[in-house]
Amino acid sequence: MIIICFFISLCGIIVISNNLPKFIKDKADFKIDYSKKPFDFRFEVGEYSLYINSKAVTNIKNSSGKIINNIGKKVQNDTSYMLNKTSDVFKCVEEKINNTIQHKVK
């Protein structure tokens, strides 16, 4: 319930700040500008600002896709390396067991 109230309050602040006249925004230290099409969100407090637009969202999507692909390749390479090493160990153990059995049979 608290999260819903916070979200509603935040939306209200954004809508009211966005609809203020330009001359009021120019004098204020706290500014919010946004538009839905094309997506553009700018939040400014004094000297600091946060700017998100549709290109940023696309860049985040592309970058996260690349990261996931790289992680997948790394996991696949590490897994195949571990399987190869495990196979080599089992082959070595099998050879030693076969040699031991052959020496006992003679």
PDB file of N, CA and C in Angstrom:
ATOM      1  N   MET A   1       0.820  -1.182   0.000  1.00  0.00           N
ATOM      2  CA  MET A   1       0.000   0.000   0.000  1.00  0.00           C
ATOM      3  C   MET A   1       0.876   1.263   0.000  1.00  0.00           C
ATOM      4  N   ILE A   2       1.972   1.206   0.767  1.00  0.00           N
ATOM      5  CA  ILE A   2       2.881   2.355   0.832  1.00  0.00           C
ATOM      6  C   ILE A   2       3.530   2.597  -0.533  1.00  0.00           C
ATOM      7  N   ILE A   3       3.874   1.517  -1.212  1.00  0.00           N
ATOM      8  CA  ILE A   3       4.499   1.652  -2.531  1.00  0.00           C
ATOM      9  C   ILE A   3       3.529   2.292  -3.519  1.00  0.00           C
ATOM     10  N   ILE A   4       2.281   1.896  -3.480  1.00  0.00           N
ATOM     11  CA  ILE A   4       1.273   2.480  -4.372  1.00  0.00           C
ATOM     12  C   ILE A   4       1.104   3.965  -4.087  1.00  0.00           C
ATOM     13  N   CYS A   5       1.024   4.349  -2.809  1.00  0.00           N
ATOM     14  CA  CYS A   5       0.903   5.766  -2.440  1.00  0.00           C
ATOM     15  C   CYS A   5       2.126   6.557  -2.905  1.00  0.00           C
ATOM     16  N   PHE A   6       3.306   5.992  -2.724  1.00  0.00           N
ATOM     17  CA  PHE A   6       4.530   6.654  -3.168  1.00  0.00           C
ATOM     18  C   PHE A   6       4.525   6.843  -4.682  1.00  0.00           C
ATOM     19  N   PHE A   7       4.124   5.813  -5.411  1.00  0.00           N
ATOM     20  CA  PHE A   7       4.082   5.888  -6.871  1.00  0.00           C
ATOM     21  C   PHE A   7       3.080   6.942  -7.342  1.00  0.00           C
ATOM     22  N   ILE A   8       1.914   6.996  -6.722  1.00  0.00           N
ATOM     23  CA  ILE A   8       0.901   7.997  -7.087  1.00  0.00           C
ATOM     24  C   ILE A   8       1.421   9.404  -6.806  1.00  0.00           C
ATOM     25  N   SER A   9       2.067   9.592  -5.655  1.00  0.00           N
ATOM     26  CA  SER A   9       2.630  10.903  -5.310  1.00  0.00           C
ATOM     27  C   SER A   9       3.723  11.303  -6.297  1.00  0.00           C
ATOM     28  N   LEU A  10       4.586  10.363  -6.646  1.00  0.00           N
ATOM     29  CA  LEU A  10       5.660  10.633  -7.597  1.00  0.00           C
ATOM     30  C   LEU A  10       5.091  11.012  -8.963  1.00  0.00           C
ATOM     31  N   CYS A  11       4.084  10.303  -9.419  1.00  0.00           N
ATOM     32  CA  CYS A  11       3.444  10.634 -10.702  1.00  0.00           C
ATOM     33  C   CYS A  11       2.836  12.034 -10.656  1.00  0.00           C
ATOM     34  N   GLY A  12       2.197  12.385  -9.529  1.00  0.00           N
ATOM     35  CA  GLY A  12       1.619  13.718  -9.379  1.00  0.00           C
ATOM     36  C   GLY A  12       2.677  14.807  -9.447  1.00  0.00           C
ATOM     37  N   ILE A  13       3.793  14.595  -8.771  1.00  0.00           N
ATOM     38  CA  ILE A  13       4.885  15.577  -8.793  1.00  0.00           C
ATOM     39  C   ILE A  13       5.424  15.739 -10.213  1.00  0.00           C
ATOM     40  N   ILE A  14       5.583  14.636 -10.912  1.00  0.00           N
ATOM     41  CA  ILE A  14       6.101  14.699 -12.287  1.00  0.00           C
ATOM     42  C   ILE A  14       5.138  15.456 -13.191  1.00  0.00           C
ATOM     43  N   VAL A  15       3.843  15.156 -13.100  1.00  0.00           N
ATOM     44  CA  VAL A  15       2.856  15.812 -13.968  1.00  0.00           C
ATOM     45  C   VAL A  15       2.773  17.300 -13.669  1.00  0.00           C
ATOM     46  N   ILE A  16       2.738  17.652 -12.387  1.00  0.00           N
ATOM     47  CA  ILE A  16       2.636  19.073 -12.024  1.00  0.00           C
ATOM     48  C   ILE A  16       3.894  19.830 -12.435  1.00  0.00           C
ATOM     49  N   SER A  17       5.064  19.269 -12.167  1.00  0.00           N
ATOM     50  CA  SER A  17       6.312  19.938 -12.532  1.00  0.00           C
ATOM     51  C   SER A  17       6.458  20.086 -14.039  1.00  0.00           C
ATOM     52  N   ASN A  18       6.000  19.100 -14.773  1.00  0.00           N
ATOM     53  CA  ASN A  18       6.100  19.154 -16.230  1.00  0.00           C
ATOM     54  C   ASN A  18       5.181  20.226 -16.809  1.00  0.00           C
ATOM     55  N   ASN A  19       4.043  20.471 -16.177  1.00  0.00           N
ATOM     56  CA  ASN A  19       3.056  21.416 -16.720  1.00  0.00           C
ATOM     57  C   ASN A  19       3.269  22.851 -16.261  1.00  0.00           C
ATOM     58  N   LEU A  20       4.284  23.119 -15.454  1.00  0.00           N
ATOM     59  CA  LEU A  20       4.563  24.489 -15.031  1.00  0.00           C
ATOM     60  C   LEU A  20       5.004  25.326 -16.230  1.00  0.00           C
ATOM     61  N   PRO A  21       4.685  26.603 -16.233  1.00  0.00           N
ATOM     62  CA  PRO A  21       5.143  27.472 -17.332  1.00  0.00           C
ATOM     63  C   PRO A  21       6.676  27.560 -17.374  1.00  0.00           C
ATOM     64  N   LYS A  22       7.200  27.838 -18.546  1.00  0.00           N
ATOM     65  CA  LYS A  22       8.649  27.863 -18.752  1.00  0.00           C
ATOM     66  C   LYS A  22       9.343  28.899 -17.879  1.00  0.00           C
ATOM     67  N   PHE A  23       8.752  30.081 -17.691  1.00  0.00           N
ATOM     68  CA  PHE A  23       9.420  31.116 -16.893  1.00  0.00           C
ATOM     69  C   PHE A  23       9.543  30.695 -15.430  1.00  0.00           C
ATOM     70  N   ILE A  24       8.638  29.880 -14.936  1.00  0.00           N
ATOM     71  CA  ILE A  24       8.757  29.371 -13.556  1.00  0.00           C
ATOM     72  C   ILE A  24       9.849  28.297 -13.493  1.00  0.00           C
ATOM     73  N   LYS A  25       9.873  27.413 -14.494  1.00  0.00           N
ATOM     74  CA  LYS A  25      10.895  26.368 -14.523  1.00  0.00           C
ATOM     75  C   LYS A  25      12.302  26.953 -14.612  1.00  0.00           C
ATOM     76  N   ASP A  26      12.460  28.040 -15.372  1.00  0.00           N
ATOM     77  CA  ASP A  26      13.784  28.647 -15.536  1.00  0.00           C
ATOM     78  C   ASP A  26      14.333  29.182 -14.217  1.00  0.00           C
ATOM     79  N   LYS A  27      13.462  29.629 -13.332  1.00  0.00           N
ATOM     80  CA  LYS A  27      13.908  30.177 -12.045  1.00  0.00           C
ATOM     81  C   LYS A  27      14.061  29.108 -10.969  1.00  0.00           C
ATOM     82  N   ALA A  28      13.468  27.949 -11.163  1.00  0.00           N
ATOM     83  CA  ALA A  28      13.467  26.900 -10.137  1.00  0.00           C
ATOM     84  C   ALA A  28      14.739  26.053 -10.211  1.00  0.00           C
ATOM     85  N   ASP A  29      15.166  25.525  -9.047  1.00  0.00           N
ATOM     86  CA  ASP A  29      16.291  24.592  -8.994  1.00  0.00           C
ATOM     87  C   ASP A  29      15.840  23.167  -9.285  1.00  0.00           C
ATOM     88  N   PHE A  30      14.565  22.890  -9.115  1.00  0.00           N
ATOM     89  CA  PHE A  30      13.997  21.554  -9.314  1.00  0.00           C
ATOM     90  C   PHE A  30      13.136  21.575 -10.575  1.00  0.00           C
ATOM     91  N   LYS A  31      13.553  20.823 -11.604  1.00  0.00           N
ATOM     92  CA  LYS A  31      12.831  20.824 -12.881  1.00  0.00           C
ATOM     93  C   LYS A  31      12.607  19.401 -13.354  1.00  0.00           C
ATOM     94  N   ILE A  32      11.432  19.157 -13.902  1.00  0.00           N
ATOM     95  CA  ILE A  32      11.140  17.881 -14.535  1.00  0.00           C
ATOM     96  C   ILE A  32      10.485  18.172 -15.874  1.00  0.00           C
ATOM     97  N   ASP A  33      11.042  17.606 -16.933  1.00  0.00           N
ATOM     98  CA  ASP A  33      10.467  17.694 -18.272  1.00  0.00           C
ATOM     99  C   ASP A  33      10.344  16.282 -18.825  1.00  0.00           C
ATOM    100  N   TYR A  34       9.207  15.981 -19.412  1.00  0.00           N
ATOM    101  CA  TYR A  34       9.077  14.687 -20.068  1.00  0.00           C
ATOM    102  C   TYR A  34       8.076  14.772 -21.201  1.00  0.00           C
ATOM    103  N   SER A  35       8.241  13.864 -22.135  1.00  0.00           N
ATOM    104  CA  SER A  35       7.270  13.690 -23.204  1.00  0.00           C
ATOM    105  C   SER A  35       7.175  12.196 -23.491  1.00  0.00           C
ATOM    106  N   LYS A  36       6.014  11.768 -23.915  1.00  0.00           N
ATOM    107  CA  LYS A  36       5.805  10.345 -24.142  1.00  0.00           C
ATOM    108  C   LYS A  36       6.270   9.905 -25.521  1.00  0.00           C
ATOM    109  N   LYS A  37       6.020  10.738 -26.536  1.00  0.00           N
ATOM    110  CA  LYS A  37       6.413  10.386 -27.899  1.00  0.00           C
ATOM    111  C   LYS A  37       7.174  11.533 -28.512  1.00  0.00           C
ATOM    112  N   PRO A  38       8.400  11.401 -28.854  1.00  0.00           N
ATOM    113  CA  PRO A  38       9.312  10.311 -28.479  1.00  0.00           C
ATOM    114  C   PRO A  38       9.631  10.407 -26.997  1.00  0.00           C
ATOM    115  N   PHE A  39       9.927   9.272 -26.399  1.00  0.00           N
ATOM    116  CA  PHE A  39      10.172   9.244 -24.957  1.00  0.00           C
ATOM    117  C   PHE A  39      11.368  10.109 -24.605  1.00  0.00           C
ATOM    118  N   ASP A  40      11.151  11.021 -23.655  1.00  0.00           N
ATOM    119  CA  ASP A  40      12.195  11.936 -23.211  1.00  0.00           C
ATOM    120  C   ASP A  40      11.884  12.337 -21.777  1.00  0.00           C
ATOM    121  N   PHE A  41      12.807  12.050 -20.856  1.00  0.00           N
ATOM    122  CA  PHE A  41      12.615  12.386 -19.442  1.00  0.00           C
ATOM    123  C   PHE A  41      13.865  13.092 -18.952  1.00  0.00           C
ATOM    124  N   ARG A  42      13.673  14.285 -18.390  1.00  0.00           N
ATOM    125  CA  ARG A  42      14.800  15.057 -17.856  1.00  0.00           C
ATOM    126  C   ARG A  42      14.427  15.513 -16.448  1.00  0.00           C
ATOM    127  N   PHE A  43      15.306  15.216 -15.497  1.00  0.00           N
ATOM    128  CA  PHE A  43      15.119  15.565 -14.097  1.00  0.00           C
ATOM    129  C   PHE A  43      16.340  16.371 -13.676  1.00  0.00           C
ATOM    130  N   GLU A  44      16.128  17.616 -13.247  1.00  0.00           N
ATOM    131  CA  GLU A  44      17.247  18.478 -12.872  1.00  0.00           C
ATOM    132  C   GLU A  44      17.047  19.011 -11.455  1.00  0.00           C
ATOM    133  N   VAL A  45      18.098  18.912 -10.673  1.00  0.00           N
ATOM    134  CA  VAL A  45      18.118  19.479  -9.323  1.00  0.00           C
ATOM    135  C   VAL A  45      19.407  20.268  -9.207  1.00  0.00           C
ATOM    136  N   GLY A  46      19.293  21.571  -9.235  1.00  0.00           N
ATOM    137  CA  GLY A  46      20.473  22.425  -9.160  1.00  0.00           C
ATOM    138  C   GLY A  46      21.408  22.172 -10.322  1.00  0.00           C
ATOM    139  N   GLU A  47      22.637  21.760 -10.009  1.00  0.00           N
ATOM    140  CA  GLU A  47      23.645  21.505 -11.035  1.00  0.00           C
ATOM    141  C   GLU A  47      23.586  20.088 -11.584  1.00  0.00           C
ATOM    142  N   TYR A  48      22.805  19.214 -10.972  1.00  0.00           N
ATOM    143  CA  TYR A  48      22.759  17.811 -11.363  1.00  0.00           C
ATOM    144  C   TYR A  48      21.528  17.532 -12.219  1.00  0.00           C
ATOM    145  N   SER A  49      21.700  16.635 -13.183  1.00  0.00           N
ATOM    146  CA  SER A  49      20.555  16.281 -14.023  1.00  0.00           C
ATOM    147  C   SER A  49      20.614  14.801 -14.395  1.00  0.00           C
ATOM    148  N   LEU A  50      19.440  14.253 -14.614  1.00  0.00           N
ATOM    149  CA  LEU A  50      19.278  12.885 -15.084  1.00  0.00           C
ATOM    150  C   LEU A  50      18.478  12.974 -16.363  1.00  0.00           C
ATOM    151  N   TYR A  51      19.003  12.403 -17.450  1.00  0.00           N
ATOM    152  CA  TYR A  51      18.379  12.524 -18.752  1.00  0.00           C
ATOM    153  C   TYR A  51      18.239  11.134 -19.358  1.00  0.00           C
ATOM    154  N   ILE A  52      17.020  10.750 -19.655  1.00  0.00           N
ATOM    155  CA  ILE A  52      16.751   9.453 -20.273  1.00  0.00           C
ATOM    156  C   ILE A  52      15.858   9.691 -21.478  1.00  0.00           C
ATOM    157  N   ASN A  53      16.261   9.137 -22.621  1.00  0.00           N
ATOM    158  CA  ASN A  53      15.414   9.232 -23.801  1.00  0.00           C
ATOM    159  C   ASN A  53      15.318   7.859 -24.460  1.00  0.00           C
ATOM    160  N   SER A  54      14.639   7.797 -25.587  1.00  0.00           N
ATOM    161  CA  SER A  54      14.424   6.506 -26.246  1.00  0.00           C
ATOM    162  C   SER A  54      15.739   5.867 -26.686  1.00  0.00           C
ATOM    163  N   LYS A  55      16.742   6.671 -27.040  1.00  0.00           N
ATOM    164  CA  LYS A  55      18.037   6.115 -27.426  1.00  0.00           C
ATOM    165  C   LYS A  55      18.714   5.441 -26.236  1.00  0.00           C
ATOM    166  N   ALA A  56      18.575   6.037 -25.062  1.00  0.00           N
ATOM    167  CA  ALA A  56      19.179   5.439 -23.867  1.00  0.00           C
ATOM    168  C   ALA A  56      18.551   4.084 -23.569  1.00  0.00           C
ATOM    169  N   VAL A  57      17.235   4.000 -23.711  1.00  0.00           N
ATOM    170  CA  VAL A  57      16.547   2.733 -23.471  1.00  0.00           C
ATOM    171  C   VAL A  57      17.013   1.689 -24.487  1.00  0.00           C
ATOM    172  N   THR A  58      17.146   2.084 -25.742  1.00  0.00           N
ATOM    173  CA  THR A  58      17.633   1.170 -26.780  1.00  0.00           C
ATOM    174  C   THR A  58      19.066   0.737 -26.493  1.00  0.00           C
ATOM    175  N   ASN A  59      19.916   1.665 -26.070  1.00  0.00           N
ATOM    176  CA  ASN A  59      21.305   1.329 -25.738  1.00  0.00           C
ATOM    177  C   ASN A  59      21.383   0.357 -24.573  1.00  0.00           C
ATOM    178  N   ILE A  60      20.552   0.573 -23.559  1.00  0.00           N
ATOM    179  CA  ILE A  60      20.536  -0.337 -22.408  1.00  0.00           C
ATOM    180  C   ILE A  60      20.101  -1.728 -22.850  1.00  0.00           C
ATOM    181  N   LYS A  61      19.079  -1.791 -23.702  1.00  0.00           N
ATOM    182  CA  LYS A  61      18.590  -3.077 -24.191  1.00  0.00           C
ATOM    183  C   LYS A  61      19.683  -3.789 -24.990  1.00  0.00           C
ATOM    184  N   ASN A  62      20.351  -3.081 -25.894  1.00  0.00           N
ATOM    185  CA  ASN A  62      21.407  -3.694 -26.707  1.00  0.00           C
ATOM    186  C   ASN A  62      22.590  -4.126 -25.857  1.00  0.00           C
ATOM    187  N   SER A  63      22.985  -3.284 -24.913  1.00  0.00           N
ATOM    188  CA  SER A  63      24.127  -3.613 -24.053  1.00  0.00           C
ATOM    189  C   SER A  63      23.831  -4.812 -23.174  1.00  0.00           C
ATOM    190  N   SER A  64      22.631  -4.868 -22.621  1.00  0.00           N
ATOM    191  CA  SER A  64      22.298  -6.008 -21.774  1.00  0.00           C
ATOM    192  C   SER A  64      22.231  -7.283 -22.601  1.00  0.00           C
ATOM    193  N   GLY A  65      21.780  -7.188 -23.857  1.00  0.00           N
ATOM    194  CA  GLY A  65      21.784  -8.355 -24.733  1.00  0.00           C
ATOM    195  C   GLY A  65      23.187  -8.852 -24.999  1.00  0.00           C
ATOM    196  N   LYS A  66      24.118  -7.927 -25.234  1.00  0.00           N
ATOM    197  CA  LYS A  66      25.515  -8.306 -25.462  1.00  0.00           C
ATOM    198  C   LYS A  66      26.116  -8.953 -24.215  1.00  0.00           C
ATOM    199  N   ILE A  67      25.808  -8.392 -23.062  1.00  0.00           N
ATOM    200  CA  ILE A  67      26.340  -8.943 -21.806  1.00  0.00           C
ATOM    201  C   ILE A  67      25.825 -10.362 -21.594  1.00  0.00           C
ATOM    202  N   ILE A  68      24.539 -10.569 -21.832  1.00  0.00           N
ATOM    203  CA  ILE A  68      23.954 -11.899 -21.645  1.00  0.00           C
ATOM    204  C   ILE A  68      24.579 -12.894 -22.622  1.00  0.00           C
ATOM    205  N   ASN A  69      24.785 -12.481 -23.876  1.00  0.00           N
ATOM    206  CA  ASN A  69      25.430 -13.367 -24.852  1.00  0.00           C
ATOM    207  C   ASN A  69      26.852 -13.704 -24.439  1.00  0.00           C
ATOM    208  N   ASN A  70      27.609 -12.712 -23.948  1.00  0.00           N
ATOM    209  CA  ASN A  70      28.981 -12.966 -23.508  1.00  0.00           C
ATOM    210  C   ASN A  70      29.021 -13.905 -22.313  1.00  0.00           C
ATOM    211  N   ILE A  71      28.102 -13.714 -21.387  1.00  0.00           N
ATOM    212  CA  ILE A  71      28.041 -14.605 -20.220  1.00  0.00           C
ATOM    213  C   ILE A  71      27.713 -16.025 -20.672  1.00  0.00           C
ATOM    214  N   GLY A  72      26.762 -16.146 -21.609  1.00  0.00           N
ATOM    215  CA  GLY A  72      26.404 -17.465 -22.129  1.00  0.00           C
ATOM    216  C   GLY A  72      27.578 -18.156 -22.785  1.00  0.00           C
ATOM    217  N   LYS A  73      28.348 -17.409 -23.590  1.00  0.00           N
ATOM    218  CA  LYS A  73      29.529 -17.984 -24.239  1.00  0.00           C
ATOM    219  C   LYS A  73      30.564 -18.405 -23.210  1.00  0.00           C
ATOM    220  N   LYS A  74      30.765 -17.571 -22.196  1.00  0.00           N
ATOM    221  CA  LYS A  74      31.753 -17.884 -21.147  1.00  0.00           C
ATOM    222  C   LYS A  74      31.347 -19.145 -20.393  1.00  0.00           C
ATOM    223  N   VAL A  75      30.061 -19.244 -20.041  1.00  0.00           N
ATOM    224  CA  VAL A  75      29.585 -20.431 -19.324  1.00  0.00           C
ATOM    225  C   VAL A  75      29.735 -21.667 -20.201  1.00  0.00           C
ATOM    226  N   GLN A  76      29.403 -21.531 -21.479  1.00  0.00           N
ATOM    227  CA  GLN A  76      29.526 -22.658 -22.406  1.00  0.00           C
ATOM    228  C   GLN A  76      30.987 -23.088 -22.537  1.00  0.00           C
ATOM    229  N   ASN A  77      31.903 -22.131 -22.678  1.00  0.00           N
ATOM    230  CA  ASN A  77      33.328 -22.467 -22.791  1.00  0.00           C
ATOM    231  C   ASN A  77      33.849 -23.118 -21.520  1.00  0.00           C
ATOM    232  N   ASP A  78      33.466 -22.552 -20.363  1.00  0.00           N
ATOM    233  CA  ASP A  78      33.924 -23.119 -19.091  1.00  0.00           C
ATOM    234  C   ASP A  78      33.364 -24.520 -18.882  1.00  0.00           C
ATOM    235  N   THR A  79      32.115 -24.720 -19.259  1.00  0.00           N
ATOM    236  CA  THR A  79      31.491 -26.029 -19.098  1.00  0.00           C
ATOM    237  C   THR A  79      32.163 -27.060 -19.989  1.00  0.00           C
ATOM    238  N   SER A  80      32.417 -26.706 -21.244  1.00  0.00           N
ATOM    239  CA  SER A  80      33.064 -27.667 -22.143  1.00  0.00           C
ATOM    240  C   SER A  80      34.495 -27.948 -21.676  1.00  0.00           C
ATOM    241  N   TYR A  81      35.188 -26.963 -21.138  1.00  0.00           N
ATOM    242  CA  TYR A  81      36.533 -27.174 -20.601  1.00  0.00           C
ATOM    243  C   TYR A  81      36.485 -28.160 -19.433  1.00  0.00           C
ATOM    244  N   MET A  82      35.524 -27.944 -18.526  1.00  0.00           N
ATOM    245  CA  MET A  82      35.399 -28.833 -17.366  1.00  0.00           C
ATOM    246  C   MET A  82      35.040 -30.255 -17.805  1.00  0.00           C
ATOM    247  N   LEU A  83      34.156 -30.383 -18.786  1.00  0.00           N
ATOM    248  CA  LEU A  83      33.790 -31.714 -19.275  1.00  0.00           C
ATOM    249  C   LEU A  83      34.989 -32.413 -19.919  1.00  0.00           C
ATOM    250  N   ASN A  84      35.770 -31.667 -20.675  1.00  0.00           N
ATOM    251  CA  ASN A  84      36.963 -32.257 -21.290  1.00  0.00           C
ATOM    252  C   ASN A  84      37.963 -32.717 -20.242  1.00  0.00           C
ATOM    253  N   LYS A  85      38.193 -31.891 -19.226  1.00  0.00           N
ATOM    254  CA  LYS A  85      39.130 -32.263 -18.162  1.00  0.00           C
ATOM    255  C   LYS A  85      38.619 -33.474 -17.387  1.00  0.00           C
ATOM    256  N   THR A  86      37.318 -33.504 -17.101  1.00  0.00           N
ATOM    257  CA  THR A  86      36.731 -34.638 -16.390  1.00  0.00           C
ATOM    258  C   THR A  86      36.864 -35.906 -17.222  1.00  0.00           C
ATOM    259  N   SER A  87      36.612 -35.798 -18.520  1.00  0.00           N
ATOM    260  CA  SER A  87      36.756 -36.946 -19.415  1.00  0.00           C
ATOM    261  C   SER A  87      38.198 -37.441 -19.424  1.00  0.00           C
ATOM    262  N   ASP A  88      39.158 -36.514 -19.453  1.00  0.00           N
ATOM    263  CA  ASP A  88      40.569 -36.892 -19.430  1.00  0.00           C
ATOM    264  C   ASP A  88      40.921 -37.626 -18.139  1.00  0.00           C
ATOM    265  N   VAL A  89      40.400 -37.154 -17.017  1.00  0.00           N
ATOM    266  CA  VAL A  89      40.669 -37.802 -15.725  1.00  0.00           C
ATOM    267  C   VAL A  89      40.101 -39.217 -15.725  1.00  0.00           C
ATOM    268  N   PHE A  90      38.863 -39.380 -16.209  1.00  0.00           N
ATOM    269  CA  PHE A  90      38.261 -40.710 -16.235  1.00  0.00           C
ATOM    270  C   PHE A  90      39.016 -41.653 -17.175  1.00  0.00           C
ATOM    271  N   LYS A  91      39.503 -41.127 -18.299  1.00  0.00           N
ATOM    272  CA  LYS A  91      40.301 -41.953 -19.210  1.00  0.00           C
ATOM    273  C   LYS A  91      41.592 -42.408 -18.527  1.00  0.00           C
ATOM    274  N   CYS A  92      42.203 -41.498 -17.811  1.00  0.00           N
ATOM    275  CA  CYS A  92      43.441 -41.821 -17.099  1.00  0.00           C
ATOM    276  C   CYS A  92      43.183 -42.873 -16.024  1.00  0.00           C
ATOM    277  N   VAL A  93      42.110 -42.711 -15.284  1.00  0.00           N
ATOM    278  CA  VAL A  93      41.762 -43.688 -14.238  1.00  0.00           C
ATOM    279  C   VAL A  93      41.459 -45.045 -14.880  1.00  0.00           C
ATOM    280  N   GLU A  94      40.730 -45.029 -15.995  1.00  0.00           N
ATOM    281  CA  GLU A  94      40.397 -46.278 -16.691  1.00  0.00           C
ATOM    282  C   GLU A  94      41.658 -46.990 -17.171  1.00  0.00           C
ATOM    283  N   GLU A  95      42.613 -46.231 -17.707  1.00  0.00           N
ATOM    284  CA  GLU A  95      43.864 -46.834 -18.158  1.00  0.00           C
ATOM    285  C   GLU A  95      44.633 -47.459 -17.000  1.00  0.00           C
ATOM    286  N   LYS A  96      44.675 -46.762 -15.869  1.00  0.00           N
ATOM    287  CA  LYS A  96      45.382 -47.294 -14.700  1.00  0.00           C
ATOM    288  C   LYS A  96      44.711 -48.564 -14.183  1.00  0.00           C
ATOM    289  N   ILE A  97      43.374 -48.568 -14.175  1.00  0.00           N
ATOM    290  CA  ILE A  97      42.657 -49.762 -13.715  1.00  0.00           C
ATOM    291  C   ILE A  97      42.912 -50.912 -14.673  1.00  0.00           C
ATOM    292  N   ASN A  98      42.871 -50.646 -15.977  1.00  0.00           N
ATOM    293  CA  ASN A  98      43.127 -51.699 -16.964  1.00  0.00           C
ATOM    294  C   ASN A  98      44.548 -52.228 -16.828  1.00  0.00           C
ATOM    295  N   ASN A  99      45.526 -51.345 -16.628  1.00  0.00           N
ATOM    296  CA  ASN A  99      46.919 -51.788 -16.451  1.00  0.00           C
ATOM    297  C   ASN A  99      47.068 -52.636 -15.202  1.00  0.00           C
ATOM    298  N   THR A 100      46.399 -52.238 -14.126  1.00  0.00           N
ATOM    299  CA  THR A 100      46.475 -52.981 -12.878  1.00  0.00           C
ATOM    300  C   THR A 100      45.852 -54.363 -13.051  1.00  0.00           C
ATOM    301  N   ILE A 101      44.709 -54.410 -13.705  1.00  0.00           N
ATOM    302  CA  ILE A 101      44.037 -55.707 -13.929  1.00  0.00           C
ATOM    303  C   ILE A 101      44.891 -56.601 -14.818  1.00  0.00           C
ATOM    304  N   GLN A 102      45.505 -56.050 -15.850  1.00  0.00           N
ATOM    305  CA  GLN A 102      46.335 -56.863 -16.757  1.00  0.00           C
ATOM    306  C   GLN A 102      47.570 -57.395 -16.036  1.00  0.00           C
ATOM    307  N   HIS A 103      48.155 -56.592 -15.138  1.00  0.00           N
ATOM    308  CA  HIS A 103      49.337 -57.052 -14.393  1.00  0.00           C
ATOM    309  C   HIS A 103      48.962 -58.159 -13.414  1.00  0.00           C
ATOM    310  N   LYS A 104      47.778 -58.116 -12.831  1.00  0.00           N
ATOM    311  CA  LYS A 104      47.345 -59.145 -11.887  1.00  0.00           C
ATOM    312  C   LYS A 104      46.997 -60.424 -12.611  1.00  0.00           C
ATOM    313  N   VAL A 105      46.482 -60.308 -13.822  1.00  0.00           N
ATOM    314  CA  VAL A 105      46.113 -61.499 -14.580  1.00  0.00           C
ATOM    315  C   VAL A 105      47.361 -62.244 -15.036  1.00  0.00           C
ATOM    316  N   LYS A 106      48.420 -61.577 -15.342  1.00  0.00           N
ATOM    317  CA  LYS A 106      49.674 -62.222 -15.803  1.00  0.00           C
ATOM    318  C   LYS A 106      50.294 -62.925 -14.658  1.00  0.00           C
TER     319      LYS A 106
END
